[in-house]
Amino acid sequence: MNRQSGLGLRFLRLLALSALCAIVLFGAVRGCGNLAVDSLVNNANYRASRAQKRVDSLQSYIQRNQVSATNSGVLTEWCQQQPLIFLEVYRNGKLVFSSEYIDEDTLSEKDVDANFYDWYTYHRLAFADGEAEVLLLCDEVYQRRVWVHIAAILLGVALFLLIFLRGVGVV
Protein backbone atom coordinates (compact mmCIF):
# COMPACT_ATOMS: atom_id res chain seq x y z
CA MET A 1 0.00 0.00 0.00
CA ASN A 2 2.87 2.34 0.80
CA ARG A 3 4.34 1.72 -2.65
CA GLN A 4 1.08 2.76 -4.38
CA SER A 5 0.77 6.01 -2.45
CA GLY A 6 4.43 6.80 -3.23
CA LEU A 7 3.84 6.13 -6.92
CA GLY A 8 0.67 8.24 -6.88
CA LEU A 9 2.53 11.09 -5.20
CA ARG A 10 5.31 10.93 -7.83
CA PHE A 11 2.65 10.95 -10.54
CA LEU A 12 0.97 14.04 -9.06
CA ARG A 13 4.31 15.84 -8.72
CA LEU A 14 5.11 15.05 -12.34
CA LEU A 15 1.72 16.37 -13.44
CA ALA A 16 2.18 19.53 -11.37
CA LEU A 17 5.70 20.11 -12.70
CA SER A 18 4.58 19.56 -16.29
CA ALA A 19 1.62 21.92 -15.86
CA LEU A 20 3.73 24.59 -14.16
CA CYS A 21 6.38 24.51 -16.92
CA ALA A 22 3.66 24.60 -19.61
CA ILE A 23 1.95 27.57 -17.97
CA VAL A 24 5.23 29.48 -17.62
CA LEU A 25 6.09 28.82 -21.28
CA PHE A 26 2.56 29.83 -22.36
CA GLY A 27 2.84 33.11 -20.44
CA ALA A 28 6.32 33.86 -21.78
CA VAL A 29 5.43 33.13 -25.42
CA ARG A 30 2.19 35.07 -25.15
CA GLY A 31 3.86 38.05 -23.46
CA CYS A 32 6.78 38.22 -25.89
CA GLY A 33 4.48 37.63 -28.84
CA ASN A 34 2.14 40.43 -27.79
CA LEU A 35 5.10 42.80 -27.38
CA ALA A 36 6.27 41.88 -30.88
CA VAL A 37 2.76 42.43 -32.28
CA ASP A 38 2.52 45.81 -30.56
CA SER A 39 5.87 46.97 -31.89
CA LEU A 40 5.00 45.78 -35.40
CA VAL A 41 1.55 47.35 -35.50
CA ASN A 42 2.76 50.60 -33.91
CA ASN A 43 5.29 50.97 -36.73
CA ALA A 44 3.87 53.69 -39.02
CA ASN A 45 5.56 52.26 -42.12
CA TYR A 46 4.06 48.83 -41.49
CA ARG A 47 0.56 50.23 -40.96
CA ALA A 48 0.81 52.36 -44.10
CA SER A 49 2.03 49.46 -46.25
CA ARG A 50 -0.70 47.12 -44.95
CA ALA A 51 -3.37 49.77 -45.54
CA GLN A 52 -2.12 50.43 -49.07
CA LYS A 53 -2.08 46.69 -49.80
CA ARG A 54 -5.73 46.41 -48.75
CA VAL A 55 -6.72 49.47 -50.81
CA ASP A 56 -4.88 48.08 -53.87
CA SER A 57 -6.61 44.73 -53.39
CA LEU A 58 -10.01 46.41 -53.26
CA GLN A 59 -9.24 48.56 -56.32
CA SER A 60 -8.18 45.55 -58.39
CA TYR A 61 -11.31 43.67 -57.25
CA ILE A 62 -13.46 46.64 -58.30
CA GLN A 63 -11.80 46.83 -61.73
CA ARG A 64 -11.82 43.08 -62.31
CA ASN A 65 -15.53 42.75 -61.47
CA GLN A 66 -16.72 46.16 -62.76
CA VAL A 67 -18.20 47.00 -59.36
CA SER A 68 -20.28 50.14 -58.90
CA ALA A 69 -20.16 52.02 -55.60
CA THR A 70 -23.73 51.04 -54.79
CA ASN A 71 -23.37 47.34 -55.69
CA SER A 72 -23.67 46.10 -52.12
CA GLY A 73 -23.79 42.40 -53.02
CA VAL A 74 -20.40 42.33 -54.74
CA LEU A 75 -18.79 44.61 -52.16
CA THR A 76 -20.15 42.40 -49.38
CA GLU A 77 -18.57 39.36 -51.06
CA TRP A 78 -15.17 41.09 -51.03
CA CYS A 79 -15.60 42.07 -47.36
CA GLN A 80 -16.48 38.51 -46.39
CA GLN A 81 -13.28 37.22 -48.02
CA GLN A 82 -11.19 39.62 -45.91
CA PRO A 83 -10.65 38.88 -42.21
CA LEU A 84 -11.82 41.58 -39.78
CA ILE A 85 -12.42 44.27 -42.39
CA PHE A 86 -14.62 47.35 -42.16
CA LEU A 87 -15.49 49.15 -45.41
CA GLU A 88 -17.54 52.26 -46.08
CA VAL A 89 -18.08 53.91 -49.46
CA TYR A 90 -19.15 57.56 -49.73
CA ARG A 91 -20.30 59.55 -52.73
CA ASN A 92 -21.28 63.23 -52.71
CA GLY A 93 -21.10 63.32 -48.92
CA LYS A 94 -23.51 60.39 -48.53
CA LEU A 95 -22.89 56.86 -47.30
CA VAL A 96 -23.68 54.45 -50.15
CA PHE A 97 -22.20 51.22 -48.74
CA SER A 98 -21.13 50.01 -45.32
CA SER A 99 -19.96 46.53 -44.36
CA GLU A 100 -21.64 47.16 -41.02
CA TYR A 101 -25.04 47.14 -42.73
CA ILE A 102 -24.64 44.21 -45.13
CA ASP A 103 -28.33 43.33 -44.89
CA GLU A 104 -29.36 46.68 -46.38
CA ASP A 105 -29.93 46.68 -50.14
CA THR A 106 -28.98 50.27 -50.84
CA LEU A 107 -27.95 52.82 -48.27
CA SER A 108 -28.08 55.57 -50.90
CA GLU A 109 -31.89 55.50 -50.70
CA LYS A 110 -31.70 56.10 -46.93
CA ASP A 111 -29.81 59.39 -47.44
CA VAL A 112 -27.22 58.84 -44.67
CA ASP A 113 -24.76 61.73 -44.33
CA ALA A 114 -21.04 61.01 -44.28
CA ASN A 115 -19.17 61.39 -41.01
CA PHE A 116 -15.64 62.25 -42.10
CA TYR A 117 -13.13 62.10 -39.26
CA ASP A 118 -9.62 63.55 -39.35
CA TRP A 119 -8.06 60.51 -37.70
CA TYR A 120 -9.11 58.15 -40.53
CA THR A 121 -7.55 57.95 -43.96
CA TYR A 122 -10.00 58.05 -46.85
CA HIS A 123 -9.05 56.86 -50.33
CA ARG A 124 -10.54 57.84 -53.68
CA LEU A 125 -11.18 54.71 -55.71
CA ALA A 126 -12.43 54.35 -59.27
CA PHE A 127 -15.67 52.36 -59.44
CA ALA A 128 -17.53 51.34 -62.59
CA ASP A 129 -19.95 54.25 -62.06
CA GLY A 130 -17.33 56.87 -61.11
CA GLU A 131 -15.06 57.76 -58.19
CA ALA A 132 -16.01 57.48 -54.54
CA GLU A 133 -14.33 57.96 -51.16
CA VAL A 134 -13.56 54.77 -49.29
CA LEU A 135 -12.81 54.14 -45.63
CA LEU A 136 -11.11 50.77 -45.20
CA LEU A 137 -10.09 49.51 -41.75
CA CYS A 138 -8.71 46.19 -40.57
CA ASP A 139 -7.99 45.00 -37.03
CA GLU A 140 -4.37 43.91 -37.47
CA VAL A 141 -3.77 43.58 -33.72
CA TYR A 142 -6.59 41.12 -33.05
CA GLN A 143 -5.56 38.85 -35.92
CA ARG A 144 -1.97 38.64 -34.83
CA ARG A 145 -2.80 38.24 -31.14
CA VAL A 146 -4.96 35.23 -32.00
CA TRP A 147 -2.01 33.67 -33.86
CA VAL A 148 0.29 34.36 -30.88
CA HIS A 149 -2.26 32.86 -28.50
CA ILE A 150 -2.61 29.70 -30.61
CA ALA A 151 1.17 29.32 -30.85
CA ALA A 152 1.51 29.77 -27.08
CA ILE A 153 -1.14 27.12 -26.41
CA LEU A 154 0.46 24.63 -28.82
CA LEU A 155 3.94 25.15 -27.38
CA GLY A 156 2.61 24.87 -23.81
CA VAL A 157 0.79 21.62 -24.57
CA ALA A 158 3.86 20.23 -26.36
CA LEU A 159 6.11 21.06 -23.39
CA PHE A 160 3.59 19.56 -20.95
CA LEU A 161 3.50 16.31 -22.92
CA LEU A 162 7.28 16.21 -23.35
CA ILE A 163 7.98 16.66 -19.63
CA PHE A 164 5.23 14.29 -18.56
CA LEU A 165 6.13 11.54 -21.03
CA ARG A 166 9.84 11.81 -20.18
CA GLY A 167 9.00 11.60 -16.48
CA VAL A 168 6.88 8.49 -17.01
CA GLY A 169 9.64 6.97 -19.12
CA VAL A 170 7.79 6.77 -22.44
CA VAL A 171 10.13 9.16 -24.27
C-alpha atoms as a PDB file:
ATOM      1  CA  MET A   1       0.000   0.000   0.000  1.00  0.00           C
ATOM      2  CA  ASN A   2       2.872   2.344   0.795  1.00  0.00           C
ATOM      3  CA  ARG A   3       4.344   1.718  -2.649  1.00  0.00           C
ATOM      4  CA  GLN A   4       1.079   2.761  -4.377  1.00  0.00           C
ATOM      5  CA  SER A   5       0.768   6.008  -2.454  1.00  0.00           C
ATOM      6  CA  GLY A   6       4.427   6.800  -3.231  1.00  0.00           C
ATOM      7  CA  LEU A   7       3.841   6.133  -6.919  1.00  0.00           C
ATOM      8  CA  GLY A   8       0.668   8.244  -6.882  1.00  0.00           C
ATOM      9  CA  LEU A   9       2.530  11.093  -5.199  1.00  0.00           C
ATOM     10  CA  ARG A  10       5.313  10.934  -7.833  1.00  0.00           C
ATOM     11  CA  PHE A  11       2.652  10.947 -10.538  1.00  0.00           C
ATOM     12  CA  LEU A  12       0.966  14.042  -9.059  1.00  0.00           C
ATOM     13  CA  ARG A  13       4.313  15.842  -8.718  1.00  0.00           C
ATOM     14  CA  LEU A  14       5.108  15.049 -12.339  1.00  0.00           C
ATOM     15  CA  LEU A  15       1.719  16.374 -13.436  1.00  0.00           C
ATOM     16  CA  ALA A  16       2.182  19.534 -11.372  1.00  0.00           C
ATOM     17  CA  LEU A  17       5.705  20.115 -12.704  1.00  0.00           C
ATOM     18  CA  SER A  18       4.581  19.557 -16.292  1.00  0.00           C
ATOM     19  CA  ALA A  19       1.618  21.915 -15.855  1.00  0.00           C
ATOM     20  CA  LEU A  20       3.732  24.591 -14.160  1.00  0.00           C
ATOM     21  CA  CYS A  21       6.376  24.513 -16.917  1.00  0.00           C
ATOM     22  CA  ALA A  22       3.664  24.601 -19.614  1.00  0.00           C
ATOM     23  CA  ILE A  23       1.947  27.572 -17.967  1.00  0.00           C
ATOM     24  CA  VAL A  24       5.226  29.476 -17.619  1.00  0.00           C
ATOM     25  CA  LEU A  25       6.091  28.818 -21.279  1.00  0.00           C
ATOM     26  CA  PHE A  26       2.562  29.829 -22.357  1.00  0.00           C
ATOM     27  CA  GLY A  27       2.845  33.111 -20.444  1.00  0.00           C
ATOM     28  CA  ALA A  28       6.322  33.857 -21.782  1.00  0.00           C
ATOM     29  CA  VAL A  29       5.429  33.125 -25.416  1.00  0.00           C
ATOM     30  CA  ARG A  30       2.186  35.070 -25.154  1.00  0.00           C
ATOM     31  CA  GLY A  31       3.860  38.045 -23.455  1.00  0.00           C
ATOM     32  CA  CYS A  32       6.783  38.224 -25.889  1.00  0.00           C
ATOM     33  CA  GLY A  33       4.480  37.631 -28.841  1.00  0.00           C
ATOM     34  CA  ASN A  34       2.139  40.433 -27.786  1.00  0.00           C
ATOM     35  CA  LEU A  35       5.100  42.797 -27.381  1.00  0.00           C
ATOM     36  CA  ALA A  36       6.265  41.878 -30.879  1.00  0.00           C
ATOM     37  CA  VAL A  37       2.757  42.432 -32.282  1.00  0.00           C
ATOM     38  CA  ASP A  38       2.517  45.807 -30.560  1.00  0.00           C
ATOM     39  CA  SER A  39       5.871  46.971 -31.891  1.00  0.00           C
ATOM     40  CA  LEU A  40       5.003  45.776 -35.400  1.00  0.00           C
ATOM     41  CA  VAL A  41       1.550  47.350 -35.502  1.00  0.00           C
ATOM     42  CA  ASN A  42       2.759  50.599 -33.906  1.00  0.00           C
ATOM     43  CA  ASN A  43       5.291  50.969 -36.727  1.00  0.00           C
ATOM     44  CA  ALA A  44       3.869  53.689 -39.017  1.00  0.00           C
ATOM     45  CA  ASN A  45       5.557  52.255 -42.119  1.00  0.00           C
ATOM     46  CA  TYR A  46       4.063  48.826 -41.485  1.00  0.00           C
ATOM     47  CA  ARG A  47       0.563  50.231 -40.957  1.00  0.00           C
ATOM     48  CA  ALA A  48       0.809  52.359 -44.095  1.00  0.00           C
ATOM     49  CA  SER A  49       2.033  49.463 -46.248  1.00  0.00           C
ATOM     50  CA  ARG A  50      -0.705  47.116 -44.950  1.00  0.00           C
ATOM     51  CA  ALA A  51      -3.374  49.771 -45.539  1.00  0.00           C
ATOM     52  CA  GLN A  52      -2.123  50.427 -49.065  1.00  0.00           C
ATOM     53  CA  LYS A  53      -2.076  46.691 -49.802  1.00  0.00           C
ATOM     54  CA  ARG A  54      -5.726  46.406 -48.747  1.00  0.00           C
ATOM     55  CA  VAL A  55      -6.718  49.465 -50.810  1.00  0.00           C
ATOM     56  CA  ASP A  56      -4.878  48.078 -53.865  1.00  0.00           C
ATOM     57  CA  SER A  57      -6.605  44.727 -53.387  1.00  0.00           C
ATOM     58  CA  LEU A  58     -10.011  46.408 -53.264  1.00  0.00           C
ATOM     59  CA  GLN A  59      -9.245  48.565 -56.316  1.00  0.00           C
ATOM     60  CA  SER A  60      -8.176  45.554 -58.391  1.00  0.00           C
ATOM     61  CA  TYR A  61     -11.312  43.668 -57.255  1.00  0.00           C
ATOM     62  CA  ILE A  62     -13.456  46.643 -58.300  1.00  0.00           C
ATOM     63  CA  GLN A  63     -11.798  46.826 -61.734  1.00  0.00           C
ATOM     64  CA  ARG A  64     -11.820  43.076 -62.314  1.00  0.00           C
ATOM     65  CA  ASN A  65     -15.535  42.749 -61.469  1.00  0.00           C
ATOM     66  CA  GLN A  66     -16.720  46.156 -62.764  1.00  0.00           C
ATOM     67  CA  VAL A  67     -18.198  46.997 -59.363  1.00  0.00           C
ATOM     68  CA  SER A  68     -20.279  50.135 -58.903  1.00  0.00           C
ATOM     69  CA  ALA A  69     -20.156  52.024 -55.600  1.00  0.00           C
ATOM     70  CA  THR A  70     -23.732  51.036 -54.786  1.00  0.00           C
ATOM     71  CA  ASN A  71     -23.374  47.342 -55.694  1.00  0.00           C
ATOM     72  CA  SER A  72     -23.673  46.099 -52.125  1.00  0.00           C
ATOM     73  CA  GLY A  73     -23.792  42.395 -53.023  1.00  0.00           C
ATOM     74  CA  VAL A  74     -20.399  42.330 -54.743  1.00  0.00           C
ATOM     75  CA  LEU A  75     -18.786  44.614 -52.156  1.00  0.00           C
ATOM     76  CA  THR A  76     -20.150  42.404 -49.379  1.00  0.00           C
ATOM     77  CA  GLU A  77     -18.572  39.363 -51.065  1.00  0.00           C
ATOM     78  CA  TRP A  78     -15.165  41.088 -51.025  1.00  0.00           C
ATOM     79  CA  CYS A  79     -15.599  42.067 -47.357  1.00  0.00           C
ATOM     80  CA  GLN A  80     -16.483  38.512 -46.388  1.00  0.00           C
ATOM     81  CA  GLN A  81     -13.281  37.225 -48.020  1.00  0.00           C
ATOM     82  CA  GLN A  82     -11.193  39.618 -45.909  1.00  0.00           C
ATOM     83  CA  PRO A  83     -10.652  38.878 -42.215  1.00  0.00           C
ATOM     84  CA  LEU A  84     -11.823  41.575 -39.775  1.00  0.00           C
ATOM     85  CA  ILE A  85     -12.422  44.268 -42.393  1.00  0.00           C
ATOM     86  CA  PHE A  86     -14.617  47.354 -42.165  1.00  0.00           C
ATOM     87  CA  LEU A  87     -15.489  49.148 -45.406  1.00  0.00           C
ATOM     88  CA  GLU A  88     -17.536  52.258 -46.078  1.00  0.00           C
ATOM     89  CA  VAL A  89     -18.082  53.911 -49.457  1.00  0.00           C
ATOM     90  CA  TYR A  90     -19.151  57.560 -49.730  1.00  0.00           C
ATOM     91  CA  ARG A  91     -20.301  59.548 -52.734  1.00  0.00           C
ATOM     92  CA  ASN A  92     -21.277  63.230 -52.710  1.00  0.00           C
ATOM     93  CA  GLY A  93     -21.101  63.323 -48.918  1.00  0.00           C
ATOM     94  CA  LYS A  94     -23.514  60.395 -48.527  1.00  0.00           C
ATOM     95  CA  LEU A  95     -22.886  56.862 -47.297  1.00  0.00           C
ATOM     96  CA  VAL A  96     -23.683  54.455 -50.152  1.00  0.00           C
ATOM     97  CA  PHE A  97     -22.201  51.220 -48.742  1.00  0.00           C
ATOM     98  CA  SER A  98     -21.127  50.006 -45.324  1.00  0.00           C
ATOM     99  CA  SER A  99     -19.956  46.532 -44.364  1.00  0.00           C
ATOM    100  CA  GLU A 100     -21.643  47.157 -41.023  1.00  0.00           C
ATOM    101  CA  TYR A 101     -25.045  47.140 -42.728  1.00  0.00           C
ATOM    102  CA  ILE A 102     -24.641  44.215 -45.131  1.00  0.00           C
ATOM    103  CA  ASP A 103     -28.327  43.325 -44.893  1.00  0.00           C
ATOM    104  CA  GLU A 104     -29.356  46.685 -46.375  1.00  0.00           C
ATOM    105  CA  ASP A 105     -29.926  46.677 -50.140  1.00  0.00           C
ATOM    106  CA  THR A 106     -28.983  50.271 -50.839  1.00  0.00           C
ATOM    107  CA  LEU A 107     -27.947  52.819 -48.270  1.00  0.00           C
ATOM    108  CA  SER A 108     -28.083  55.566 -50.899  1.00  0.00           C
ATOM    109  CA  GLU A 109     -31.891  55.502 -50.699  1.00  0.00           C
ATOM    110  CA  LYS A 110     -31.703  56.100 -46.927  1.00  0.00           C
ATOM    111  CA  ASP A 111     -29.806  59.390 -47.442  1.00  0.00           C
ATOM    112  CA  VAL A 112     -27.221  58.839 -44.669  1.00  0.00           C
ATOM    113  CA  ASP A 113     -24.762  61.731 -44.328  1.00  0.00           C
ATOM    114  CA  ALA A 114     -21.037  61.012 -44.276  1.00  0.00           C
ATOM    115  CA  ASN A 115     -19.170  61.394 -41.008  1.00  0.00           C
ATOM    116  CA  PHE A 116     -15.638  62.247 -42.097  1.00  0.00           C
ATOM    117  CA  TYR A 117     -13.133  62.100 -39.261  1.00  0.00           C
ATOM    118  CA  ASP A 118      -9.619  63.552 -39.346  1.00  0.00           C
ATOM    119  CA  TRP A 119      -8.060  60.507 -37.696  1.00  0.00           C
ATOM    120  CA  TYR A 120      -9.115  58.150 -40.529  1.00  0.00           C
ATOM    121  CA  THR A 121      -7.546  57.955 -43.960  1.00  0.00           C
ATOM    122  CA  TYR A 122      -9.996  58.052 -46.848  1.00  0.00           C
ATOM    123  CA  HIS A 123      -9.055  56.861 -50.325  1.00  0.00           C
ATOM    124  CA  ARG A 124     -10.538  57.844 -53.684  1.00  0.00           C
ATOM    125  CA  LEU A 125     -11.178  54.711 -55.713  1.00  0.00           C
ATOM    126  CA  ALA A 126     -12.433  54.350 -59.273  1.00  0.00           C
ATOM    127  CA  PHE A 127     -15.669  52.362 -59.435  1.00  0.00           C
ATOM    128  CA  ALA A 128     -17.534  51.338 -62.588  1.00  0.00           C
ATOM    129  CA  ASP A 129     -19.953  54.248 -62.059  1.00  0.00           C
ATOM    130  CA  GLY A 130     -17.332  56.870 -61.106  1.00  0.00           C
ATOM    131  CA  GLU A 131     -15.062  57.758 -58.194  1.00  0.00           C
ATOM    132  CA  ALA A 132     -16.010  57.477 -54.537  1.00  0.00           C
ATOM    133  CA  GLU A 133     -14.328  57.957 -51.156  1.00  0.00           C
ATOM    134  CA  VAL A 134     -13.558  54.766 -49.293  1.00  0.00           C
ATOM    135  CA  LEU A 135     -12.806  54.141 -45.627  1.00  0.00           C
ATOM    136  CA  LEU A 136     -11.107  50.775 -45.202  1.00  0.00           C
ATOM    137  CA  LEU A 137     -10.092  49.513 -41.754  1.00  0.00           C
ATOM    138  CA  CYS A 138      -8.712  46.187 -40.565  1.00  0.00           C
ATOM    139  CA  ASP A 139      -7.989  45.004 -37.034  1.00  0.00           C
ATOM    140  CA  GLU A 140      -4.373  43.909 -37.468  1.00  0.00           C
ATOM    141  CA  VAL A 141      -3.775  43.579 -33.722  1.00  0.00           C
ATOM    142  CA  TYR A 142      -6.595  41.122 -33.049  1.00  0.00           C
ATOM    143  CA  GLN A 143      -5.563  38.846 -35.924  1.00  0.00           C
ATOM    144  CA  ARG A 144      -1.970  38.644 -34.826  1.00  0.00           C
ATOM    145  CA  ARG A 145      -2.804  38.244 -31.140  1.00  0.00           C
ATOM    146  CA  VAL A 146      -4.960  35.233 -32.000  1.00  0.00           C
ATOM    147  CA  TRP A 147      -2.006  33.674 -33.858  1.00  0.00           C
ATOM    148  CA  VAL A 148       0.290  34.364 -30.881  1.00  0.00           C
ATOM    149  CA  HIS A 149      -2.259  32.858 -28.500  1.00  0.00           C
ATOM    150  CA  ILE A 150      -2.614  29.701 -30.610  1.00  0.00           C
ATOM    151  CA  ALA A 151       1.169  29.322 -30.851  1.00  0.00           C
ATOM    152  CA  ALA A 152       1.513  29.766 -27.079  1.00  0.00           C
ATOM    153  CA  ILE A 153      -1.137  27.122 -26.413  1.00  0.00           C
ATOM    154  CA  LEU A 154       0.456  24.627 -28.823  1.00  0.00           C
ATOM    155  CA  LEU A 155       3.935  25.153 -27.383  1.00  0.00           C
ATOM    156  CA  GLY A 156       2.611  24.873 -23.808  1.00  0.00           C
ATOM    157  CA  VAL A 157       0.793  21.616 -24.567  1.00  0.00           C
ATOM    158  CA  ALA A 158       3.862  20.234 -26.361  1.00  0.00           C
ATOM    159  CA  LEU A 159       6.107  21.064 -23.386  1.00  0.00           C
ATOM    160  CA  PHE A 160       3.595  19.557 -20.952  1.00  0.00           C
ATOM    161  CA  LEU A 161       3.503  16.309 -22.925  1.00  0.00           C
ATOM    162  CA  LEU A 162       7.280  16.210 -23.347  1.00  0.00           C
ATOM    163  CA  ILE A 163       7.984  16.656 -19.633  1.00  0.00           C
ATOM    164  CA  PHE A 164       5.227  14.287 -18.556  1.00  0.00           C
ATOM    165  CA  LEU A 165       6.133  11.541 -21.035  1.00  0.00           C
ATOM    166  CA  ARG A 166       9.838  11.813 -20.184  1.00  0.00           C
ATOM    167  CA  GLY A 167       8.997  11.598 -16.478  1.00  0.00           C
ATOM    168  CA  VAL A 168       6.877   8.495 -17.013  1.00  0.00           C
ATOM    169  CA  GLY A 169       9.640   6.970 -19.123  1.00  0.00           C
ATOM    170  CA  VAL A 170       7.793   6.767 -22.436  1.00  0.00           C
ATOM    171  CA  VAL A 171      10.125   9.165 -24.274  1.00  0.00           C
END
